[in-house]
Amino acid sequence: MAIDCEGMLWVALWGGYGVARYDPKTGKQLEFVPLPDRNVSCCTFGGEGGDILYITMAMDEDGGGGYLYEWKADVKGPAPYRFPLYS
């Protein structure tokens, strides 16, 4: 899952051939990004402007999947958090 700058939740739909954007307050599905593979495993925002949704796929039992897709969203993800590894 990923959160965008508007506070909406993007969910990778395992077995669902896509990623859906939900309003976490109402539970309403706002958007659906269809994908050609079944096992959508993860999504996250990135790219120069923070508006590219990177989507990973797991391989299925037939040998399909295992790909990385990118999709240009109409919203941005939050700025990355820099975790301090060493103090």
Protein backbone atom coordinates (compact mmCIF):
# COMPACT_ATOMS: atom_id res chain seq x y z
CA MET A 1 0.00 0.00 0.00
CA ALA A 2 0.98 3.62 -0.47
CA ILE A 3 -0.44 6.96 0.65
CA ASP A 4 -0.56 9.97 -1.68
CA CYS A 5 -0.29 13.67 -0.76
CA GLU A 6 -4.09 13.92 -0.61
CA GLY A 7 -4.20 11.21 2.06
CA MET A 8 -5.71 8.60 -0.26
CA LEU A 9 -4.65 4.96 -0.03
CA TRP A 10 -3.31 3.02 -3.02
CA VAL A 11 -3.72 -0.75 -2.64
CA ALA A 12 -1.99 -3.45 -4.69
CA LEU A 13 -4.74 -6.01 -5.33
CA TRP A 14 -3.28 -9.50 -5.06
CA GLY A 15 -5.13 -11.62 -7.62
CA GLY A 16 -6.97 -8.49 -8.81
CA TYR A 17 -5.04 -7.43 -11.91
CA GLY A 18 -4.54 -3.87 -10.70
CA VAL A 19 -4.03 -1.18 -8.10
CA ALA A 20 -6.97 0.70 -6.59
CA ARG A 21 -7.06 4.13 -4.96
CA TYR A 22 -9.38 4.45 -1.95
CA ASP A 23 -10.59 7.23 0.28
CA PRO A 24 -9.71 5.84 3.74
CA LYS A 25 -12.48 7.90 5.41
CA THR A 26 -15.34 6.57 3.27
CA GLY A 27 -13.88 3.33 1.89
CA LYS A 28 -14.96 4.43 -1.60
CA GLN A 29 -12.82 3.31 -4.53
CA LEU A 30 -11.76 6.41 -6.45
CA GLU A 31 -9.58 4.98 -9.19
CA PHE A 32 -8.37 1.69 -10.65
CA VAL A 33 -5.13 1.10 -12.56
CA PRO A 34 -5.52 -2.11 -14.61
CA LEU A 35 -2.48 -4.34 -15.11
CA PRO A 36 -1.89 -7.36 -17.38
CA ASP A 37 -0.72 -9.63 -14.55
CA ARG A 38 -2.75 -11.14 -11.72
CA ASN A 39 -0.45 -11.06 -8.68
CA VAL A 40 0.06 -7.38 -7.91
CA SER A 41 2.35 -7.34 -4.89
CA CYS A 42 3.33 -3.77 -3.99
CA CYS A 43 3.15 -0.12 -5.02
CA THR A 44 5.05 3.01 -4.03
CA PHE A 45 5.50 6.56 -5.27
CA GLY A 46 8.77 7.85 -6.69
CA GLY A 47 10.36 9.52 -9.68
CA GLU A 48 11.66 13.06 -10.18
CA GLY A 49 8.32 14.68 -9.38
CA GLY A 50 7.05 12.02 -6.99
CA ASP A 51 4.11 11.26 -9.28
CA ILE A 52 5.21 7.90 -10.67
CA LEU A 53 3.55 4.90 -9.06
CA TYR A 54 5.92 1.93 -9.20
CA ILE A 55 4.08 -1.39 -9.12
CA THR A 56 5.64 -4.82 -8.61
CA MET A 57 4.18 -8.14 -9.67
CA ALA A 58 4.90 -11.57 -8.22
CA MET A 59 5.43 -14.54 -10.50
CA ASP A 60 2.47 -16.86 -10.78
CA GLU A 61 2.37 -20.64 -11.02
CA ASP A 62 2.35 -20.44 -14.83
CA GLY A 63 5.63 -18.49 -14.91
CA GLY A 64 3.98 -15.14 -15.72
CA GLY A 65 4.46 -11.95 -13.78
CA GLY A 66 7.56 -10.89 -11.90
CA TYR A 67 7.57 -7.49 -13.57
CA LEU A 68 7.94 -3.87 -12.46
CA TYR A 69 5.51 -1.37 -13.97
CA GLU A 70 5.41 2.39 -13.67
CA TRP A 71 2.30 4.52 -14.02
CA LYS A 72 2.11 8.33 -14.08
CA ALA A 73 -0.42 9.38 -11.47
CA ASP A 74 -2.38 12.64 -11.28
CA VAL A 75 -1.21 13.02 -7.66
CA LYS A 76 2.13 12.86 -5.91
CA GLY A 77 3.33 10.69 -3.09
CA PRO A 78 4.74 12.23 0.09
CA ALA A 79 8.36 13.34 0.25
CA PRO A 80 10.72 10.50 1.19
CA TYR A 81 11.65 10.11 4.82
CA ARG A 82 15.40 10.04 5.39
CA PHE A 83 16.01 7.48 8.11
CA PRO A 84 19.18 8.30 10.08
CA LEU A 85 21.20 5.08 10.01
CA TYR A 86 24.00 6.46 12.14
CA SER A 87 23.91 9.18 14.74
